[in-house]
N, C-alpha and C. Protein backbone atom coordinates (compact mmCIF):
# COMPACT_ATOMS: atom_id res chain seq x y z
N MET A 1 219.27 103.13 195.73
CA MET A 1 219.78 103.22 194.38
C MET A 1 220.36 101.86 194.00
N ILE A 2 219.96 101.37 192.81
CA ILE A 2 220.44 100.07 192.32
C ILE A 2 221.03 100.29 190.94
N ASP A 3 222.21 99.68 190.69
CA ASP A 3 222.85 99.85 189.38
C ASP A 3 222.31 98.84 188.39
N PRO A 4 222.70 98.91 187.09
CA PRO A 4 222.14 98.01 186.07
C PRO A 4 222.37 96.52 186.34
N GLU A 5 223.42 96.16 187.06
CA GLU A 5 223.69 94.74 187.35
C GLU A 5 222.92 94.24 188.56
N GLY A 6 222.21 95.12 189.26
CA GLY A 6 221.43 94.71 190.42
C GLY A 6 222.14 94.94 191.73
N GLN A 7 223.31 95.57 191.72
CA GLN A 7 224.06 95.85 192.95
C GLN A 7 223.51 97.11 193.60
N GLN A 8 223.40 97.12 194.91
CA GLN A 8 222.93 98.30 195.62
C GLN A 8 224.05 99.31 195.76
N LEU A 9 223.73 100.55 195.43
CA LEU A 9 224.72 101.62 195.55
C LEU A 9 224.46 102.46 196.80
N GLY A 10 223.41 102.22 197.51
CA GLY A 10 223.11 102.94 198.74
C GLY A 10 222.23 104.15 198.48
N ILE A 11 222.02 104.94 199.54
CA ILE A 11 221.18 106.13 199.46
C ILE A 11 222.04 107.29 198.97
N MET A 12 221.52 108.03 197.98
CA MET A 12 222.25 109.19 197.44
C MET A 12 221.27 110.24 196.97
N PRO A 13 221.73 111.48 196.84
CA PRO A 13 220.83 112.54 196.38
C PRO A 13 220.41 112.31 194.92
N PRO A 14 219.22 112.79 194.55
CA PRO A 14 218.72 112.57 193.19
C PRO A 14 219.64 113.10 192.09
N GLU A 15 220.29 114.24 192.33
CA GLU A 15 221.17 114.82 191.31
C GLU A 15 222.33 113.89 190.99
N LEU A 16 222.94 113.32 192.03
CA LEU A 16 224.08 112.41 191.85
C LEU A 16 223.61 111.13 191.13
N ALA A 17 222.42 110.63 191.50
CA ALA A 17 221.88 109.43 190.87
C ALA A 17 221.63 109.67 189.39
N MET A 18 221.06 110.85 189.06
CA MET A 18 220.79 111.17 187.66
C MET A 18 222.09 111.31 186.87
N GLN A 19 223.13 111.87 187.51
CA GLN A 19 224.43 112.02 186.86
C GLN A 19 225.04 110.66 186.55
N LYS A 20 224.96 109.71 187.51
CA LYS A 20 225.51 108.36 187.30
C LYS A 20 224.78 107.68 186.14
N ALA A 21 223.45 107.83 186.08
CA ALA A 21 222.65 107.22 185.00
C ALA A 21 223.05 107.83 183.66
N ALA A 22 223.24 109.16 183.61
CA ALA A 22 223.62 109.82 182.36
C ALA A 22 225.00 109.36 181.92
N ASP A 23 225.94 109.16 182.85
CA ASP A 23 227.29 108.69 182.52
C ASP A 23 227.25 107.31 181.87
N LEU A 24 226.30 106.47 182.31
CA LEU A 24 226.19 105.13 181.74
C LEU A 24 225.32 105.11 180.48
N GLY A 25 224.67 106.22 180.16
CA GLY A 25 223.82 106.28 178.98
C GLY A 25 222.48 105.59 179.18
N LEU A 26 222.06 105.51 180.43
CA LEU A 26 220.79 104.85 180.76
C LEU A 26 219.87 105.84 181.48
N ASP A 27 218.71 105.36 181.89
CA ASP A 27 217.72 106.20 182.55
C ASP A 27 217.67 105.85 184.04
N LEU A 28 217.23 106.82 184.84
CA LEU A 28 217.00 106.59 186.27
C LEU A 28 215.50 106.39 186.44
N VAL A 29 215.11 105.19 186.87
CA VAL A 29 213.71 104.84 186.97
C VAL A 29 213.35 104.59 188.43
N GLU A 30 212.26 105.23 188.89
CA GLU A 30 211.78 105.03 190.25
C GLU A 30 210.96 103.74 190.26
N VAL A 31 211.49 102.72 190.90
CA VAL A 31 210.86 101.40 190.88
C VAL A 31 209.79 101.28 191.96
N SER A 32 210.09 101.76 193.15
CA SER A 32 209.14 101.64 194.26
C SER A 32 209.01 102.99 194.95
N PRO A 33 208.04 103.81 194.50
CA PRO A 33 207.91 105.14 195.08
C PRO A 33 207.34 105.14 196.51
N GLU A 34 206.64 104.07 196.93
CA GLU A 34 206.05 104.03 198.26
C GLU A 34 207.08 103.79 199.35
N ALA A 35 208.21 103.18 199.00
CA ALA A 35 209.22 102.83 199.99
C ALA A 35 209.86 104.09 200.57
N LYS A 36 210.35 103.99 201.80
CA LYS A 36 211.06 105.09 202.44
C LYS A 36 212.49 104.66 202.65
N PRO A 37 213.47 105.20 202.01
CA PRO A 37 213.42 106.12 200.87
C PRO A 37 212.99 105.40 199.60
N ALA A 38 212.55 106.15 198.59
CA ALA A 38 212.09 105.57 197.32
C ALA A 38 213.24 104.81 196.65
N VAL A 39 212.90 103.69 196.03
CA VAL A 39 213.91 102.85 195.38
C VAL A 39 213.99 103.24 193.90
N CYS A 40 215.21 103.58 193.44
CA CYS A 40 215.44 103.93 192.04
C CYS A 40 216.45 102.96 191.45
N ARG A 41 216.35 102.76 190.15
CA ARG A 41 217.24 101.83 189.47
C ARG A 41 217.73 102.45 188.17
N ILE A 42 218.98 102.19 187.84
CA ILE A 42 219.53 102.66 186.57
C ILE A 42 219.27 101.56 185.55
N MET A 43 218.49 101.89 184.52
CA MET A 43 218.14 100.90 183.49
C MET A 43 217.68 101.61 182.23
N ASP A 44 217.48 100.83 181.17
CA ASP A 44 216.92 101.36 179.93
C ASP A 44 215.41 101.37 180.10
N TYR A 45 214.80 102.57 180.12
CA TYR A 45 213.38 102.71 180.40
C TYR A 45 212.52 102.04 179.33
N GLY A 46 212.94 102.10 178.08
CA GLY A 46 212.20 101.45 176.99
C GLY A 46 212.09 99.95 177.21
N LYS A 47 213.20 99.32 177.61
CA LYS A 47 213.19 97.89 177.88
C LYS A 47 212.31 97.57 179.09
N TYR A 48 212.35 98.45 180.08
CA TYR A 48 211.54 98.26 181.29
C TYR A 48 210.05 98.28 180.95
N LYS A 49 209.62 99.27 180.16
CA LYS A 49 208.21 99.36 179.76
C LYS A 49 207.80 98.15 178.94
N TYR A 50 208.68 97.70 178.04
CA TYR A 50 208.39 96.54 177.21
C TYR A 50 208.21 95.30 178.09
N ALA A 51 209.08 95.12 179.07
CA ALA A 51 208.99 93.96 179.97
C ALA A 51 207.69 94.00 180.78
N GLN A 52 207.31 95.19 181.25
CA GLN A 52 206.07 95.32 182.00
C GLN A 52 204.87 94.97 181.13
N LYS A 53 204.90 95.43 179.88
CA LYS A 53 203.80 95.16 178.95
C LYS A 53 203.68 93.65 178.68
N LYS A 54 204.82 92.98 178.49
CA LYS A 54 204.83 91.53 178.26
C LYS A 54 204.29 90.79 179.48
N LYS A 55 204.66 91.27 180.67
CA LYS A 55 204.23 90.61 181.90
C LYS A 55 202.71 90.69 182.04
N THR A 56 202.13 91.86 181.77
CA THR A 56 200.67 92.00 181.87
C THR A 56 199.97 91.19 180.78
N ALA A 57 200.56 91.12 179.58
CA ALA A 57 199.97 90.33 178.50
C ALA A 57 199.97 88.85 178.86
N ASP A 58 201.06 88.37 179.46
CA ASP A 58 201.13 86.96 179.87
C ASP A 58 200.10 86.67 180.97
N ALA A 59 199.93 87.61 181.89
CA ALA A 59 198.95 87.42 182.96
C ALA A 59 197.54 87.33 182.38
N LYS A 60 197.24 88.17 181.38
CA LYS A 60 195.93 88.13 180.74
C LYS A 60 195.73 86.82 179.99
N LYS A 61 196.79 86.35 179.34
CA LYS A 61 196.70 85.13 178.54
C LYS A 61 196.40 83.92 179.42
N ASN A 62 196.98 83.89 180.61
CA ASN A 62 196.78 82.76 181.51
C ASN A 62 195.45 82.82 182.25
N GLN A 63 194.75 83.95 182.16
CA GLN A 63 193.44 84.08 182.77
C GLN A 63 192.42 83.28 181.99
N SER A 64 191.49 82.69 182.68
CA SER A 64 190.43 81.99 181.96
C SER A 64 189.10 82.65 182.31
N SER A 65 188.27 82.81 181.32
CA SER A 65 186.96 83.41 181.56
C SER A 65 185.90 82.38 181.20
N THR A 66 184.93 82.25 182.06
CA THR A 66 183.85 81.31 181.78
C THR A 66 182.68 82.08 181.19
N THR A 67 182.11 81.49 180.19
CA THR A 67 180.92 82.10 179.59
C THR A 67 179.74 81.20 179.90
N ILE A 68 178.58 81.80 179.91
CA ILE A 68 177.36 81.04 180.19
C ILE A 68 176.62 80.82 178.87
N LYS A 69 176.44 79.57 178.52
CA LYS A 69 175.70 79.20 177.31
C LYS A 69 174.29 78.80 177.74
N GLU A 70 173.30 79.23 176.98
CA GLU A 70 171.92 78.96 177.36
C GLU A 70 171.28 77.91 176.45
N VAL A 71 170.54 76.99 177.07
CA VAL A 71 169.78 75.99 176.34
C VAL A 71 168.34 76.09 176.84
N LYS A 72 167.40 76.23 175.90
CA LYS A 72 166.00 76.43 176.28
C LYS A 72 165.19 75.16 176.05
N PHE A 73 164.35 74.85 177.03
CA PHE A 73 163.47 73.69 176.98
C PHE A 73 162.03 74.15 177.13
N ARG A 74 161.11 73.26 176.81
CA ARG A 74 159.68 73.46 177.04
C ARG A 74 159.17 72.25 177.81
N PRO A 75 158.11 72.39 178.60
CA PRO A 75 157.60 71.25 179.36
C PRO A 75 157.13 70.08 178.49
N LYS A 76 156.66 70.36 177.27
CA LYS A 76 156.17 69.29 176.38
C LYS A 76 157.23 68.85 175.38
N ILE A 77 158.49 68.82 175.76
CA ILE A 77 159.58 68.48 174.85
C ILE A 77 159.55 66.99 174.51
N GLU A 78 159.84 66.68 173.26
CA GLU A 78 159.88 65.28 172.81
C GLU A 78 161.24 64.67 173.16
N LYS A 79 161.32 63.34 173.11
CA LYS A 79 162.53 62.63 173.52
C LYS A 79 163.74 63.01 172.68
N HIS A 80 163.62 63.05 171.36
CA HIS A 80 164.75 63.37 170.50
C HIS A 80 165.26 64.79 170.76
N ASP A 81 164.34 65.74 170.88
CA ASP A 81 164.74 67.13 171.16
C ASP A 81 165.45 67.22 172.50
N TYR A 82 164.90 66.50 173.48
CA TYR A 82 165.51 66.49 174.82
C TYR A 82 166.93 65.95 174.75
N ASP A 83 167.11 64.79 174.07
CA ASP A 83 168.45 64.18 173.96
C ASP A 83 169.42 65.11 173.25
N PHE A 84 168.97 65.76 172.20
CA PHE A 84 169.82 66.67 171.43
C PHE A 84 170.29 67.83 172.31
N LYS A 85 169.37 68.41 173.06
CA LYS A 85 169.71 69.56 173.90
C LYS A 85 170.59 69.15 175.08
N VAL A 86 170.37 67.98 175.65
CA VAL A 86 171.23 67.50 176.73
C VAL A 86 172.65 67.27 176.20
N ASN A 87 172.77 66.76 174.96
CA ASN A 87 174.10 66.59 174.38
C ASN A 87 174.79 67.94 174.19
N ARG A 88 174.04 68.99 173.82
CA ARG A 88 174.61 70.34 173.70
C ARG A 88 175.12 70.82 175.06
N ILE A 89 174.35 70.54 176.12
CA ILE A 89 174.79 70.93 177.47
C ILE A 89 176.09 70.22 177.81
N ARG A 90 176.18 68.93 177.48
CA ARG A 90 177.42 68.18 177.74
C ARG A 90 178.60 68.79 176.99
N GLU A 91 178.38 69.20 175.72
CA GLU A 91 179.44 69.84 174.93
C GLU A 91 179.90 71.12 175.61
N PHE A 92 178.96 71.95 176.04
CA PHE A 92 179.32 73.21 176.69
C PHE A 92 180.13 72.95 177.95
N LEU A 93 179.69 71.99 178.75
CA LEU A 93 180.40 71.67 179.99
C LEU A 93 181.78 71.11 179.69
N GLY A 94 181.89 70.32 178.63
CA GLY A 94 183.19 69.77 178.23
C GLY A 94 184.16 70.84 177.80
N GLU A 95 183.65 71.93 177.23
CA GLU A 95 184.51 73.04 176.81
C GLU A 95 184.84 73.97 177.98
N GLY A 96 184.27 73.70 179.16
CA GLY A 96 184.56 74.52 180.33
C GLY A 96 183.59 75.66 180.55
N HIS A 97 182.52 75.71 179.77
CA HIS A 97 181.52 76.77 179.93
C HIS A 97 180.44 76.33 180.90
N LYS A 98 179.76 77.31 181.48
CA LYS A 98 178.59 77.02 182.29
C LYS A 98 177.38 76.94 181.36
N ALA A 99 176.38 76.18 181.76
CA ALA A 99 175.16 76.06 180.96
C ALA A 99 173.97 76.56 181.76
N LYS A 100 173.23 77.47 181.16
CA LYS A 100 172.01 78.00 181.78
C LYS A 100 170.85 77.26 181.13
N VAL A 101 170.14 76.49 181.92
CA VAL A 101 169.01 75.72 181.42
C VAL A 101 167.74 76.51 181.73
N THR A 102 167.02 76.88 180.67
CA THR A 102 165.80 77.66 180.82
C THR A 102 164.60 76.84 180.38
N MET A 103 163.65 76.70 181.26
CA MET A 103 162.39 76.03 180.93
C MET A 103 161.37 77.13 180.68
N MET A 104 160.90 77.23 179.43
CA MET A 104 159.96 78.30 179.07
C MET A 104 158.53 77.77 179.15
N PHE A 105 157.69 78.55 179.79
CA PHE A 105 156.28 78.19 179.90
C PHE A 105 155.46 79.10 178.99
N ARG A 106 154.46 78.51 178.32
CA ARG A 106 153.52 79.30 177.50
C ARG A 106 152.12 79.01 177.99
N GLY A 107 151.32 80.03 178.01
CA GLY A 107 149.91 79.85 178.37
C GLY A 107 149.73 79.24 179.73
N ARG A 108 148.94 78.16 179.75
CA ARG A 108 148.60 77.52 181.03
C ARG A 108 149.63 76.49 181.48
N GLU A 109 150.70 76.33 180.73
CA GLU A 109 151.74 75.36 181.12
C GLU A 109 152.33 75.69 182.49
N ILE A 110 152.28 76.96 182.87
CA ILE A 110 152.89 77.39 184.13
C ILE A 110 152.21 76.75 185.34
N THR A 111 150.99 76.27 185.15
CA THR A 111 150.29 75.61 186.27
C THR A 111 150.84 74.22 186.53
N HIS A 112 151.63 73.67 185.60
CA HIS A 112 152.20 72.32 185.76
C HIS A 112 153.71 72.40 185.96
N GLN A 113 154.12 73.08 187.01
CA GLN A 113 155.54 73.24 187.28
C GLN A 113 156.21 71.93 187.68
N GLU A 114 155.42 70.98 188.18
CA GLU A 114 156.00 69.70 188.59
C GLU A 114 156.57 68.95 187.38
N ILE A 115 155.97 69.11 186.21
CA ILE A 115 156.49 68.48 184.99
C ILE A 115 157.85 69.10 184.65
N ALA A 116 157.94 70.43 184.74
CA ALA A 116 159.19 71.13 184.45
C ALA A 116 160.27 70.74 185.45
N ARG A 117 159.91 70.65 186.73
CA ARG A 117 160.90 70.25 187.74
C ARG A 117 161.38 68.83 187.50
N GLY A 118 160.49 67.95 187.04
CA GLY A 118 160.90 66.58 186.70
C GLY A 118 161.89 66.55 185.55
N ILE A 119 161.65 67.39 184.53
CA ILE A 119 162.57 67.46 183.39
C ILE A 119 163.92 68.02 183.84
N MET A 120 163.87 69.06 184.68
CA MET A 120 165.12 69.65 185.19
C MET A 120 165.90 68.60 185.99
N GLN A 121 165.20 67.80 186.81
CA GLN A 121 165.87 66.77 187.59
C GLN A 121 166.48 65.71 186.67
N ARG A 122 165.77 65.38 185.58
CA ARG A 122 166.29 64.42 184.60
C ARG A 122 167.55 64.97 183.93
N ILE A 123 167.57 66.28 183.65
CA ILE A 123 168.76 66.90 183.05
C ILE A 123 169.94 66.78 184.01
N VAL A 124 169.70 67.06 185.30
CA VAL A 124 170.76 66.96 186.31
C VAL A 124 171.32 65.54 186.33
N GLU A 125 170.45 64.54 186.29
CA GLU A 125 170.89 63.14 186.30
C GLU A 125 171.68 62.81 185.04
N ASP A 126 171.25 63.33 183.89
CA ASP A 126 171.90 63.00 182.62
C ASP A 126 173.27 63.66 182.45
N VAL A 127 173.53 64.78 183.13
CA VAL A 127 174.82 65.45 182.95
C VAL A 127 175.68 65.40 184.21
N LYS A 128 175.32 64.54 185.18
CA LYS A 128 176.05 64.54 186.45
C LYS A 128 177.51 64.12 186.32
N GLU A 129 177.88 63.35 185.27
CA GLU A 129 179.28 62.94 185.11
C GLU A 129 180.17 64.09 184.61
N CYS A 130 179.59 65.09 183.97
CA CYS A 130 180.42 66.20 183.47
C CYS A 130 180.03 67.55 184.05
N GLY A 131 178.95 67.62 184.84
CA GLY A 131 178.54 68.90 185.40
C GLY A 131 177.79 68.74 186.71
N SER A 132 177.79 69.83 187.47
CA SER A 132 177.05 69.83 188.73
C SER A 132 176.20 71.09 188.80
N VAL A 133 175.13 71.03 189.55
CA VAL A 133 174.20 72.15 189.63
C VAL A 133 174.84 73.27 190.44
N GLU A 134 174.89 74.46 189.85
CA GLU A 134 175.40 75.64 190.56
C GLU A 134 174.27 76.39 191.23
N SER A 135 173.16 76.57 190.51
CA SER A 135 171.98 77.16 191.13
C SER A 135 170.79 76.30 190.76
N PHE A 136 170.05 75.91 191.76
CA PHE A 136 168.93 75.00 191.57
C PHE A 136 167.77 75.72 190.86
N PRO A 137 166.86 74.94 190.25
CA PRO A 137 165.77 75.55 189.48
C PRO A 137 164.94 76.52 190.31
N LYS A 138 164.74 77.72 189.75
CA LYS A 138 163.86 78.69 190.40
C LYS A 138 163.05 79.39 189.34
N LEU A 139 161.84 79.77 189.72
CA LEU A 139 160.92 80.41 188.79
C LEU A 139 161.24 81.89 188.67
N ASP A 140 161.33 82.37 187.42
CA ASP A 140 161.61 83.78 187.15
C ASP A 140 160.61 84.22 186.08
N GLY A 141 159.49 84.76 186.53
CA GLY A 141 158.44 85.14 185.58
C GLY A 141 157.82 83.89 184.98
N ARG A 142 157.88 83.78 183.64
CA ARG A 142 157.33 82.60 182.95
C ARG A 142 158.43 81.59 182.61
N ASN A 143 159.61 81.76 183.20
CA ASN A 143 160.73 80.85 182.95
C ASN A 143 161.21 80.23 184.26
N MET A 144 161.65 78.98 184.17
CA MET A 144 162.31 78.33 185.29
C MET A 144 163.78 78.20 184.88
N ILE A 145 164.67 78.70 185.73
CA ILE A 145 166.09 78.78 185.35
C ILE A 145 166.94 77.97 186.31
N MET A 146 167.93 77.26 185.74
CA MET A 146 168.90 76.49 186.52
C MET A 146 170.26 76.67 185.84
N VAL A 147 171.34 76.77 186.62
CA VAL A 147 172.68 76.89 186.06
C VAL A 147 173.48 75.66 186.43
N VAL A 148 174.12 75.06 185.40
CA VAL A 148 174.95 73.88 185.60
C VAL A 148 176.38 74.27 185.26
N ALA A 149 177.32 73.96 186.16
CA ALA A 149 178.74 74.29 185.96
C ALA A 149 179.53 73.02 185.70
N PRO A 150 180.66 73.12 184.99
CA PRO A 150 181.50 71.94 184.78
C PRO A 150 181.97 71.38 186.12
N VAL A 151 182.21 70.09 186.17
CA VAL A 151 182.65 69.45 187.40
C VAL A 151 183.97 70.07 187.84
N GLY A 152 184.06 70.44 189.11
CA GLY A 152 185.27 71.06 189.64
C GLY A 152 185.30 72.55 189.50
N LYS A 153 184.30 73.19 188.91
CA LYS A 153 184.27 74.64 188.72
C LYS A 153 183.31 75.34 189.66
N THR A 154 182.59 74.59 190.51
CA THR A 154 181.60 75.22 191.39
C THR A 154 182.22 75.92 192.55
């Protein structure tokens, strides 16, 4: 049993503890039910619930979630399009997001995977100052997929 100021009152029967809480105009709250004997505290239950809610809200606020942004390429991509998309990947990595690089194949392009792997390697070289490869290029159906994470997030 703990009083409102944090002083221990010792072990006592529940009826006596409830009577002491009622005399002070506060509630008897079971703080640690797993302990032997269970730990109870005399406090304002409304304030206790509010404090718990604030604590969980602060914990959620300090949590960070990473999202995966996707950028799609083709094996026959032109230089300007390539530069534009690589800059988008850099922006995503700068914001702390992961970037999923997808190389899409159409028709017979799938027979020239070495071209796609060369482009993927060029992307890795171009974003190495702000990102590192999390999963290396692998073929998934008609797409080759690679994931790049911000530096220090792998």
